[in-house]
Amino acid sequence: MEPEYHSDGIPEKLVAQLKTGQGGHCFRRRAVLAKASTQWELVCCTIERLAPGAAAFEPTPSRSYPQAMLYEDLLTESECLDFATEVQAARGRIGECDLAHRQTQQWQTQLVPVRNDYMRSAGLVVGARIGQSSTRPTARSLLVPGEPYYPDIDEAGRDWLPFPIYHGQNDGRDGQIFFLLPETRAFIASAEFSDAGSLIITVAGSEVEALKLLVKGAYWEGGLIRHFEEPVCGLTTSVSVSGDADRLEYYLLDRTGTAFDFHREDRFSRSMTGSSILKESQRSLEDQMRHALSKGEGQNVEFKPFVDPDQKRAPGTQKSKFDEIAITVVAFANTEGGHIYLGVNDDCEVPGIEPKLSEWAKAASSESVIARYLGALKSRIKSVVQGELLLQLWHVRIDGALVAVMQVSPAHSKPVAIRQDHYLYARVGASNRKVPPDQWRTVLEPRRSRLEL
């Protein structure tokens, strides 16, 4: 589901999770810290709720290096709430390390499905940023007697943090603390079409027999939306979904409207879901891109060459190629959304990104290299953007050339902005425009679909 943002204190959803009254939950806190001069700074921290009975587990001993620390301990519910309160008050402390950080500006809560970037289950993720990922110190050659060796702090983070995938210095989650709260009461275990053509959804969880659950959602076919709502009987429900659907979204709810899990996909982003249901589309992503090439850049289309997620601004320049990408993403989000195609020049020629990609990865192009690049790019973009951002990335080959595709959905909550940038950007025709203050309402007013500047 879309993230919810909170700037007036600890989110109520987190407080409710930490005040269950049961007192039997155990939380594992893991943190990666780097030393800048004499002060420890946070790279990333997770507080993960463990399965019942985990209180008897012993924490993994923390690992100390001259310029880095991999910290772990176990917390109770009340200790987690105390830690969240300290973070809110800018008094965060992990072990013996006082965290140097500014006052927390914003918390974020998000319900995530089974396939997500934070943990290996569906559930609630609550995060708070206390530092800037772009300015965190680096540490190389973590090498001391008695501790495991890591070539750098990025590799240490990949090994230590519970994230399914971690992008190191390109990861937008750096500088943040995350409470990871897996959903165990009810979740979607599987979904597949039957021989009769119905979508059979199976649920699981510790409370599925006690909860009155239903599956509610919609699918899209030929531009039309079709709604459905079916009760869960036992552990399954049967939903009528056309085999020619182009897009599918559904939620697992109880009768009060509490959402436990959800699934979303469309035919073009199916490779990114990891658990696609829809069959191949008659109009492939390649066809969609060829259509964009025939029309050229416009209100919803931008062509760019390969961009390095690590790229910094050159001395004397105002914007890097990465900055241009980030501004386009924000401009699309503030207006009607759109697609950015990396590997296409202004003449609608398609040289692709493969040569530059191999240089960036220091390895031959492969599916794993492409996935690593797309993940790093998405994470870096999210690290410099403030506000609601719905961004999907995948890749396609056109006449043998590899192209990265970025789909930006229009934001429901506007404006979306570049961090530490005082301008508001919007898409007008084939250009990204800086919007003067007297016309901000044109972007913020949801009924206006397009700027007329």
Protein backbone atom coordinates (compact mmCIF):
# COMPACT_ATOMS: atom_id res chain seq x y z
CA MET A 1 0.00 0.00 0.00
CA GLU A 2 1.06 3.61 -0.41
CA PRO A 3 3.20 4.97 2.46
CA GLU A 4 1.62 7.15 5.13
CA TYR A 5 3.69 10.02 6.52
CA HIS A 6 3.60 11.35 10.09
CA SER A 7 5.33 14.49 11.36
CA ASP A 8 3.49 14.96 14.66
CA GLY A 9 4.97 12.11 16.70
CA ILE A 10 5.36 8.34 16.78
CA PRO A 11 2.76 6.75 14.45
CA GLU A 12 -0.24 5.28 16.27
CA LYS A 13 0.12 2.05 14.30
CA LEU A 14 3.57 1.49 15.79
CA VAL A 15 2.41 2.35 19.31
CA ALA A 16 -0.48 -0.11 18.94
CA GLN A 17 1.92 -2.86 17.83
CA LEU A 18 4.16 -2.21 20.83
CA LYS A 19 1.33 -2.02 23.37
CA THR A 20 -0.37 -5.34 22.72
CA GLY A 21 -0.59 -6.13 26.42
CA GLN A 22 0.67 -9.64 25.74
CA GLY A 23 4.32 -8.91 26.53
CA GLY A 24 5.47 -12.08 24.85
CA HIS A 25 7.06 -10.63 21.75
CA CYS A 26 10.80 -10.35 21.33
CA PHE A 27 12.49 -7.93 18.94
CA ARG A 28 15.94 -8.23 17.39
CA ARG A 29 17.71 -4.92 16.86
CA ARG A 30 20.51 -4.88 14.32
CA ALA A 31 22.46 -1.77 13.41
CA VAL A 32 25.36 -0.87 11.15
CA LEU A 33 27.33 2.14 12.40
CA ALA A 34 30.34 3.96 10.95
CA LYS A 35 32.71 6.30 12.77
CA ALA A 36 33.26 9.82 11.50
CA SER A 37 36.14 11.36 13.42
CA THR A 38 35.18 10.58 17.04
CA GLN A 39 31.42 10.34 16.50
CA TRP A 40 29.42 7.25 15.54
CA GLU A 41 26.88 7.75 12.77
CA LEU A 42 24.09 5.42 11.78
CA VAL A 43 24.24 3.63 8.44
CA CYS A 44 21.00 1.69 9.01
CA CYS A 45 19.11 0.03 11.85
CA THR A 46 16.28 -2.54 11.95
CA ILE A 47 14.15 -3.66 14.87
CA GLU A 48 12.52 -6.91 13.78
CA ARG A 49 9.75 -8.69 15.64
CA LEU A 50 10.67 -12.36 16.01
CA ALA A 51 8.42 -15.37 16.05
CA PRO A 52 6.90 -16.45 19.41
CA GLY A 53 9.41 -18.31 21.56
CA ALA A 54 12.38 -16.34 20.23
CA ALA A 55 12.90 -14.73 23.64
CA ALA A 56 14.97 -17.76 24.57
CA PHE A 57 17.41 -17.06 21.73
CA GLU A 58 20.78 -15.51 22.43
CA PRO A 59 21.72 -12.49 20.30
CA THR A 60 24.64 -12.78 17.91
CA PRO A 61 27.67 -11.07 19.46
CA SER A 62 28.20 -7.57 18.09
CA ARG A 63 31.20 -7.11 15.80
CA SER A 64 33.55 -4.18 16.43
CA TYR A 65 36.05 -2.67 14.01
CA PRO A 66 38.07 0.57 14.27
CA GLN A 67 35.77 2.44 11.86
CA ALA A 68 32.59 0.37 11.95
CA MET A 69 30.31 -1.60 14.26
CA LEU A 70 27.73 -4.30 13.61
CA TYR A 71 25.48 -4.23 16.66
CA GLU A 72 22.80 -6.65 17.82
CA ASP A 73 20.65 -7.01 20.92
CA LEU A 74 17.17 -8.22 21.87
CA LEU A 75 14.43 -5.86 23.05
CA THR A 76 11.05 -6.24 24.72
CA GLU A 77 7.95 -4.39 23.56
CA SER A 78 8.38 -1.70 26.23
CA GLU A 79 12.08 -1.28 25.35
CA CYS A 80 11.14 -0.83 21.70
CA LEU A 81 8.66 1.88 22.62
CA ASP A 82 11.31 3.59 24.76
CA PHE A 83 13.73 3.49 21.83
CA ALA A 84 11.12 4.95 19.46
CA THR A 85 10.48 7.73 21.99
CA GLU A 86 14.21 8.48 22.15
CA VAL A 87 14.42 8.62 18.35
CA GLN A 88 11.48 11.02 18.25
CA ALA A 89 13.23 13.24 20.80
CA ALA A 90 16.58 13.08 18.89
CA ARG A 91 18.23 11.20 21.75
CA GLY A 92 18.83 7.91 19.97
CA ARG A 93 21.32 5.54 21.56
CA ILE A 94 22.41 2.08 20.42
CA GLY A 95 24.51 0.21 22.95
CA GLU A 96 27.23 2.61 24.07
CA CYS A 97 26.90 4.75 20.93
CA ASP A 98 25.09 8.07 21.00
CA LEU A 99 23.73 8.78 17.55
CA ALA A 100 24.44 12.23 16.23
CA HIS A 101 21.32 13.25 14.34
CA ARG A 102 18.90 16.04 13.78
CA GLN A 103 15.35 16.11 15.10
CA THR A 104 13.26 13.54 13.29
CA GLN A 105 11.27 15.29 10.56
CA GLN A 106 9.01 12.49 9.49
CA TRP A 107 7.93 8.92 10.19
CA GLN A 108 6.66 6.62 7.47
CA THR A 109 4.37 3.58 7.78
CA GLN A 110 3.69 1.13 4.99
CA LEU A 111 1.93 -2.21 4.66
CA VAL A 112 4.08 -4.43 2.43
CA PRO A 113 3.21 -7.72 0.67
CA VAL A 114 5.24 -10.94 0.87
CA ARG A 115 7.57 -9.77 -1.92
CA ASN A 116 9.11 -6.57 -0.55
CA ASP A 117 12.45 -4.86 0.06
CA TYR A 118 12.40 -5.00 3.88
CA MET A 119 11.66 -8.52 5.14
CA ARG A 120 10.73 -11.98 3.93
CA SER A 121 7.06 -11.78 4.88
CA ALA A 122 4.08 -9.48 4.57
CA GLY A 123 3.59 -6.95 7.34
CA LEU A 124 3.97 -3.39 8.58
CA VAL A 125 7.16 -1.35 8.13
CA VAL A 126 7.60 1.83 10.19
CA GLY A 127 10.64 4.00 9.50
CA ALA A 128 12.19 7.25 10.67
CA ARG A 129 15.07 9.08 9.00
CA ILE A 130 17.71 10.46 11.34
CA GLY A 131 20.55 11.05 8.88
CA GLN A 132 21.40 11.67 5.24
CA SER A 133 22.39 8.55 3.28
CA SER A 134 24.49 10.61 0.85
CA THR A 135 26.79 11.91 3.59
CA ARG A 136 27.38 8.81 5.70
CA PRO A 137 31.02 7.89 6.32
CA THR A 138 32.52 4.91 4.55
CA ALA A 139 34.72 2.20 6.01
CA ARG A 140 36.88 -0.16 3.96
CA SER A 141 38.72 -3.35 4.84
CA LEU A 142 36.93 -4.35 8.03
CA LEU A 143 39.79 -6.53 9.18
CA VAL A 144 40.61 -7.30 12.82
CA PRO A 145 41.58 -10.55 14.58
CA GLY A 146 38.65 -12.52 15.90
CA GLU A 147 36.00 -10.87 13.70
CA PRO A 148 34.72 -11.79 10.22
CA TYR A 149 36.36 -9.97 7.32
CA TYR A 150 34.42 -7.59 5.06
CA PRO A 151 36.01 -5.64 2.18
CA ASP A 152 33.86 -2.60 3.03
CA ILE A 153 30.91 -1.50 5.11
CA ASP A 154 28.50 -2.09 2.24
CA GLU A 155 29.28 -5.82 2.22
CA ALA A 156 28.94 -5.84 5.99
CA GLY A 157 25.49 -4.28 5.68
CA ARG A 158 24.40 -6.89 3.13
CA ASP A 159 25.40 -9.64 5.56
CA TRP A 160 24.13 -8.05 8.78
CA LEU A 161 20.82 -6.39 7.90
CA PRO A 162 17.73 -8.59 7.35
CA PHE A 163 16.79 -6.92 4.05
CA PRO A 164 16.30 -9.37 1.15
CA ILE A 165 18.57 -7.11 -0.91
CA TYR A 166 20.74 -4.17 0.16
CA HIS A 167 22.45 -1.73 -2.22
CA GLY A 168 25.11 -0.27 0.07
CA GLN A 169 25.92 3.40 -0.45
CA ASN A 170 23.20 3.63 -3.12
CA ASP A 171 20.50 2.40 -0.75
CA GLY A 172 17.80 4.92 0.07
CA ARG A 173 17.15 3.19 3.40
CA ASP A 174 20.49 4.36 4.77
CA GLY A 175 20.25 6.90 7.55
CA GLN A 176 16.97 5.38 8.78
CA ILE A 177 15.64 3.20 11.59
CA PHE A 178 13.01 0.61 10.64
CA PHE A 179 10.60 -1.36 12.79
CA LEU A 180 9.81 -4.57 10.88
CA LEU A 181 6.55 -6.11 12.04
CA PRO A 182 5.74 -9.34 10.14
CA GLU A 183 2.05 -10.16 9.70
CA THR A 184 1.32 -13.52 11.33
CA ARG A 185 -2.43 -13.21 11.96
CA ALA A 186 -3.57 -13.50 8.33
CA PHE A 187 -1.80 -13.27 4.99
CA ILE A 188 -2.11 -14.42 1.38
CA ALA A 189 -0.33 -17.77 1.02
CA SER A 190 -0.94 -18.40 -2.69
CA ALA A 191 -3.11 -17.49 -5.68
CA GLU A 192 -3.55 -19.31 -8.97
CA PHE A 193 -6.12 -19.81 -11.69
CA SER A 194 -8.15 -23.02 -11.61
CA ASP A 195 -8.99 -25.12 -14.66
CA ALA A 196 -12.42 -23.49 -14.60
CA GLY A 197 -10.84 -20.04 -14.93
CA SER A 198 -11.48 -18.71 -11.39
CA LEU A 199 -8.71 -17.22 -9.28
CA ILE A 200 -8.31 -19.38 -6.15
CA ILE A 201 -6.75 -17.44 -3.26
CA THR A 202 -5.46 -19.31 -0.21
CA VAL A 203 -4.78 -17.60 3.11
CA ALA A 204 -2.83 -18.62 6.19
CA GLY A 205 -2.01 -17.25 9.64
CA SER A 206 -2.53 -17.78 13.33
CA GLU A 207 -5.99 -16.12 13.46
CA VAL A 208 -7.57 -16.94 10.10
CA GLU A 209 -10.17 -19.19 11.72
CA ALA A 210 -11.24 -16.51 14.20
CA LEU A 211 -11.24 -13.54 11.81
CA LYS A 212 -14.04 -12.92 9.35
CA LEU A 213 -11.94 -12.32 6.27
CA LEU A 214 -12.76 -11.21 2.75
CA VAL A 215 -10.85 -10.50 -0.45
CA LYS A 216 -11.71 -7.19 -2.08
CA GLY A 217 -10.24 -5.71 -5.22
CA ALA A 218 -10.55 -5.13 -8.94
CA TYR A 219 -9.10 -6.03 -12.31
CA TRP A 220 -8.80 -4.02 -15.51
CA GLU A 221 -9.61 -5.31 -18.99
CA GLY A 222 -9.62 -3.20 -22.13
CA GLY A 223 -9.66 0.03 -20.12
CA LEU A 224 -12.63 -1.02 -17.99
CA ILE A 225 -12.46 -1.72 -14.25
CA ARG A 226 -14.24 -4.75 -12.77
CA HIS A 227 -14.76 -4.93 -9.00
CA PHE A 228 -15.01 -8.00 -6.81
CA GLU A 229 -15.51 -8.86 -3.12
CA GLU A 230 -15.65 -12.43 -1.85
CA PRO A 231 -15.66 -13.90 1.69
CA VAL A 232 -12.94 -16.33 2.74
CA CYS A 233 -14.47 -19.70 3.64
CA GLY A 234 -12.10 -21.86 5.60
CA LEU A 235 -8.74 -21.01 4.05
CA THR A 236 -9.74 -20.18 0.47
CA THR A 237 -11.93 -18.02 -1.70
CA SER A 238 -12.74 -18.09 -5.40
CA VAL A 239 -12.73 -14.84 -7.37
CA SER A 240 -13.93 -14.35 -10.94
CA VAL A 241 -11.08 -12.67 -12.85
CA SER A 242 -10.80 -12.55 -16.63
CA GLY A 243 -7.81 -14.39 -18.08
CA ASP A 244 -7.29 -11.37 -20.35
CA ALA A 245 -6.99 -8.88 -17.49
CA ASP A 246 -4.23 -6.27 -17.91
CA ARG A 247 -4.01 -5.29 -14.24
CA LEU A 248 -5.01 -6.89 -10.93
CA GLU A 249 -5.17 -5.56 -7.37
CA TYR A 250 -6.74 -7.12 -4.28
CA TYR A 251 -6.58 -6.90 -0.48
CA LEU A 252 -7.15 -9.32 2.39
CA LEU A 253 -9.42 -7.55 4.92
CA ASP A 254 -11.51 -8.32 7.93
CA ARG A 255 -15.04 -7.00 8.40
CA THR A 256 -13.79 -3.87 10.17
CA GLY A 257 -11.66 -2.89 7.17
CA THR A 258 -8.28 -3.83 8.67
CA ALA A 259 -5.91 -4.74 5.81
CA PHE A 260 -3.60 -7.69 6.45
CA ASP A 261 -2.03 -8.28 3.04
CA PHE A 262 -2.40 -7.29 -0.62
CA HIS A 263 -1.26 -8.10 -4.13
CA ARG A 264 -0.75 -5.83 -7.14
CA GLU A 265 0.52 -6.45 -10.64
CA ASP A 266 0.09 -5.51 -14.25
CA ARG A 267 1.34 -7.19 -17.36
CA PHE A 268 4.26 -4.83 -17.84
CA SER A 269 5.57 -4.93 -14.26
CA ARG A 270 4.89 -8.62 -13.69
CA SER A 271 8.61 -9.51 -13.79
CA MET A 272 9.20 -7.26 -10.77
CA THR A 273 6.54 -8.83 -8.52
CA GLY A 274 8.23 -12.21 -8.13
CA SER A 275 4.78 -13.87 -7.94
CA SER A 276 2.89 -12.94 -11.10
CA ILE A 277 -0.58 -14.31 -11.78
CA LEU A 278 -1.54 -12.71 -15.09
CA LYS A 279 -0.51 -14.43 -18.30
CA GLU A 280 1.57 -12.74 -21.01
CA SER A 281 -0.01 -9.66 -22.55
CA GLN A 282 -0.88 -9.47 -26.23
CA ARG A 283 0.65 -6.02 -26.22
CA SER A 284 4.11 -6.53 -24.80
CA LEU A 285 6.36 -4.01 -23.12
CA GLU A 286 8.38 -3.97 -26.34
CA ASP A 287 5.26 -2.85 -28.24
CA GLN A 288 4.64 -0.15 -25.65
CA MET A 289 8.17 1.15 -26.06
CA ARG A 290 8.04 1.10 -29.86
CA HIS A 291 4.91 3.20 -29.63
CA ALA A 292 6.79 5.70 -27.43
CA LEU A 293 9.68 5.79 -29.92
CA SER A 294 7.29 6.55 -32.77
CA LYS A 295 5.77 9.49 -30.87
CA GLY A 296 8.92 10.90 -29.25
CA GLU A 297 9.25 12.72 -25.94
CA GLY A 298 6.15 14.34 -24.55
CA GLN A 299 3.93 14.85 -21.52
CA ASN A 300 4.41 11.28 -20.31
CA VAL A 301 7.62 10.14 -22.04
CA GLU A 302 11.29 11.01 -21.47
CA PHE A 303 14.38 9.51 -23.14
CA LYS A 304 17.73 9.42 -21.33
CA PRO A 305 21.11 7.71 -21.72
CA PHE A 306 22.57 5.38 -19.08
CA VAL A 307 22.86 7.10 -15.72
CA ASP A 308 25.21 6.06 -12.94
CA PRO A 309 23.42 5.83 -9.54
CA ASP A 310 26.71 6.90 -7.90
CA GLN A 311 27.12 9.99 -10.08
CA LYS A 312 28.05 13.24 -8.33
CA ARG A 313 27.90 16.74 -9.70
CA ALA A 314 31.04 17.81 -11.53
CA PRO A 315 32.71 21.01 -10.23
CA GLY A 316 31.10 24.11 -11.73
CA THR A 317 27.94 22.32 -12.91
CA GLN A 318 24.44 22.81 -11.55
CA LYS A 319 23.01 19.38 -12.42
CA SER A 320 24.32 15.90 -13.14
CA LYS A 321 22.59 13.36 -15.39
CA PHE A 322 21.30 11.69 -12.25
CA ASP A 323 19.86 15.02 -11.05
CA GLU A 324 18.01 15.33 -14.37
CA ILE A 325 16.51 11.87 -13.89
CA ALA A 326 15.41 12.69 -10.33
CA ILE A 327 13.81 15.97 -11.43
CA THR A 328 11.92 14.17 -14.21
CA VAL A 329 10.66 11.59 -11.72
CA VAL A 330 9.40 14.36 -9.43
CA ALA A 331 7.83 16.27 -12.33
CA PHE A 332 5.96 13.16 -13.50
CA ALA A 333 4.79 12.42 -9.93
CA ASN A 334 3.45 15.97 -9.54
CA THR A 335 1.43 15.81 -12.77
CA GLU A 336 0.16 12.80 -14.76
CA GLY A 337 2.95 10.28 -14.29
CA GLY A 338 5.01 8.88 -17.13
CA HIS A 339 7.79 6.60 -18.38
CA ILE A 340 11.53 7.27 -18.55
CA TYR A 341 13.49 5.10 -20.99
CA LEU A 342 17.22 4.82 -20.28
CA GLY A 343 19.26 3.89 -23.34
CA VAL A 344 17.44 6.08 -25.89
CA ASN A 345 18.85 9.32 -27.35
CA ASP A 346 17.01 12.50 -28.38
CA ASP A 347 16.77 11.27 -31.98
CA CYS A 348 14.76 8.22 -30.78
CA GLU A 349 17.71 5.94 -31.55
CA VAL A 350 18.33 3.06 -29.14
CA PRO A 351 22.03 2.51 -28.36
CA GLY A 352 21.02 0.82 -25.09
CA ILE A 353 22.76 0.86 -21.72
CA GLU A 354 24.78 -2.36 -21.90
CA PRO A 355 28.35 -1.03 -22.41
CA LYS A 356 28.01 1.54 -19.60
CA LEU A 357 26.24 -1.00 -17.42
CA SER A 358 29.19 -3.39 -17.65
CA GLU A 359 31.57 -0.56 -16.72
CA TRP A 360 29.41 0.33 -13.72
CA ALA A 361 29.12 -3.26 -12.51
CA LYS A 362 32.71 -4.20 -13.44
CA ALA A 363 31.19 -7.39 -14.80
CA ALA A 364 29.54 -8.67 -17.95
CA SER A 365 25.85 -7.88 -18.35
CA SER A 366 23.57 -10.56 -16.89
CA GLU A 367 20.14 -10.80 -15.28
CA SER A 368 21.67 -10.42 -11.82
CA VAL A 369 23.72 -7.36 -12.89
CA ILE A 370 20.64 -5.75 -14.45
CA ALA A 371 18.59 -6.42 -11.29
CA ARG A 372 21.37 -4.95 -9.13
CA TYR A 373 21.53 -1.83 -11.30
CA LEU A 374 17.77 -1.27 -11.31
CA GLY A 375 17.61 -1.77 -7.55
CA ALA A 376 20.49 0.66 -6.92
CA LEU A 377 18.95 3.27 -9.21
CA LYS A 378 15.51 3.00 -7.60
CA SER A 379 16.96 3.18 -4.11
CA ARG A 380 19.14 6.23 -4.91
CA ILE A 381 16.19 8.07 -6.46
CA LYS A 382 14.04 7.41 -3.40
CA SER A 383 16.84 8.67 -1.16
CA VAL A 384 16.80 12.14 -2.78
CA VAL A 385 13.03 12.48 -3.18
CA GLN A 386 10.73 13.67 -0.43
CA GLY A 387 7.05 12.75 -0.43
CA GLU A 388 4.93 9.97 -1.89
CA LEU A 389 6.68 8.21 -4.78
CA LEU A 390 5.31 5.21 -6.67
CA LEU A 391 8.15 4.00 -8.89
CA GLN A 392 8.63 0.75 -10.80
CA LEU A 393 11.64 -0.33 -12.86
CA TRP A 394 12.18 -3.17 -15.29
CA HIS A 395 14.06 -3.80 -18.53
CA VAL A 396 13.36 -4.70 -22.15
CA ARG A 397 15.39 -5.43 -25.26
CA ILE A 398 14.65 -3.59 -28.51
CA ASP A 399 16.43 -5.08 -31.53
CA GLY A 400 19.03 -6.49 -29.18
CA ALA A 401 19.64 -3.23 -27.27
CA LEU A 402 19.01 -3.26 -23.50
CA VAL A 403 16.75 -0.47 -22.21
CA ALA A 404 15.84 0.29 -18.61
CA VAL A 405 12.24 1.43 -18.12
CA MET A 406 11.09 3.58 -15.20
CA GLN A 407 7.36 3.99 -14.61
CA VAL A 408 6.32 6.89 -12.35
CA SER A 409 2.73 6.99 -11.14
CA PRO A 410 1.04 10.31 -10.33
CA ALA A 411 1.23 10.96 -6.59
CA HIS A 412 -2.01 10.93 -4.63
CA SER A 413 -0.50 13.31 -2.06
CA LYS A 414 1.32 16.28 -3.58
CA PRO A 415 3.75 17.92 -3.83
CA VAL A 416 6.69 15.58 -4.36
CA ALA A 417 10.04 17.35 -4.17
CA ILE A 418 13.81 16.95 -4.32
CA ARG A 419 15.37 17.06 -0.86
CA GLN A 420 17.18 20.31 -0.13
CA ASP A 421 15.79 21.85 -3.34
CA HIS A 422 13.44 24.81 -2.94
CA TYR A 423 11.72 24.44 -6.31
CA LEU A 424 8.49 22.71 -7.24
CA TYR A 425 8.71 20.79 -10.53
CA ALA A 426 5.93 19.76 -12.89
CA ARG A 427 5.76 18.20 -16.35
CA VAL A 428 4.58 20.48 -19.15
CA GLY A 429 4.74 18.99 -22.61
CA ALA A 430 8.20 17.47 -23.10
CA SER A 431 9.84 19.67 -20.45
CA ASN A 432 10.19 19.82 -16.68
CA ARG A 433 9.17 23.25 -15.44
CA LYS A 434 9.93 25.10 -12.23
CA VAL A 435 6.52 26.24 -10.98
CA PRO A 436 6.35 29.77 -9.52
CA PRO A 437 4.66 30.05 -6.10
CA ASP A 438 1.58 31.80 -7.48
CA GLN A 439 0.85 28.72 -9.59
CA TRP A 440 1.57 25.99 -7.01
CA ARG A 441 -2.17 25.49 -6.56
CA THR A 442 -2.28 24.20 -10.14
CA VAL A 443 -0.10 21.28 -9.06
CA LEU A 444 -1.64 20.74 -5.64
CA GLU A 445 -5.28 20.92 -6.81
CA PRO A 446 -6.23 17.28 -7.61
CA ARG A 447 -8.98 18.26 -10.04
CA ARG A 448 -6.57 19.92 -12.39
CA SER A 449 -5.00 17.22 -14.53
CA ARG A 450 -2.46 19.37 -16.38
CA LEU A 451 -0.61 22.63 -15.90
CA GLU A 452 -1.13 25.46 -18.34
CA LEU A 453 1.99 27.53 -17.91
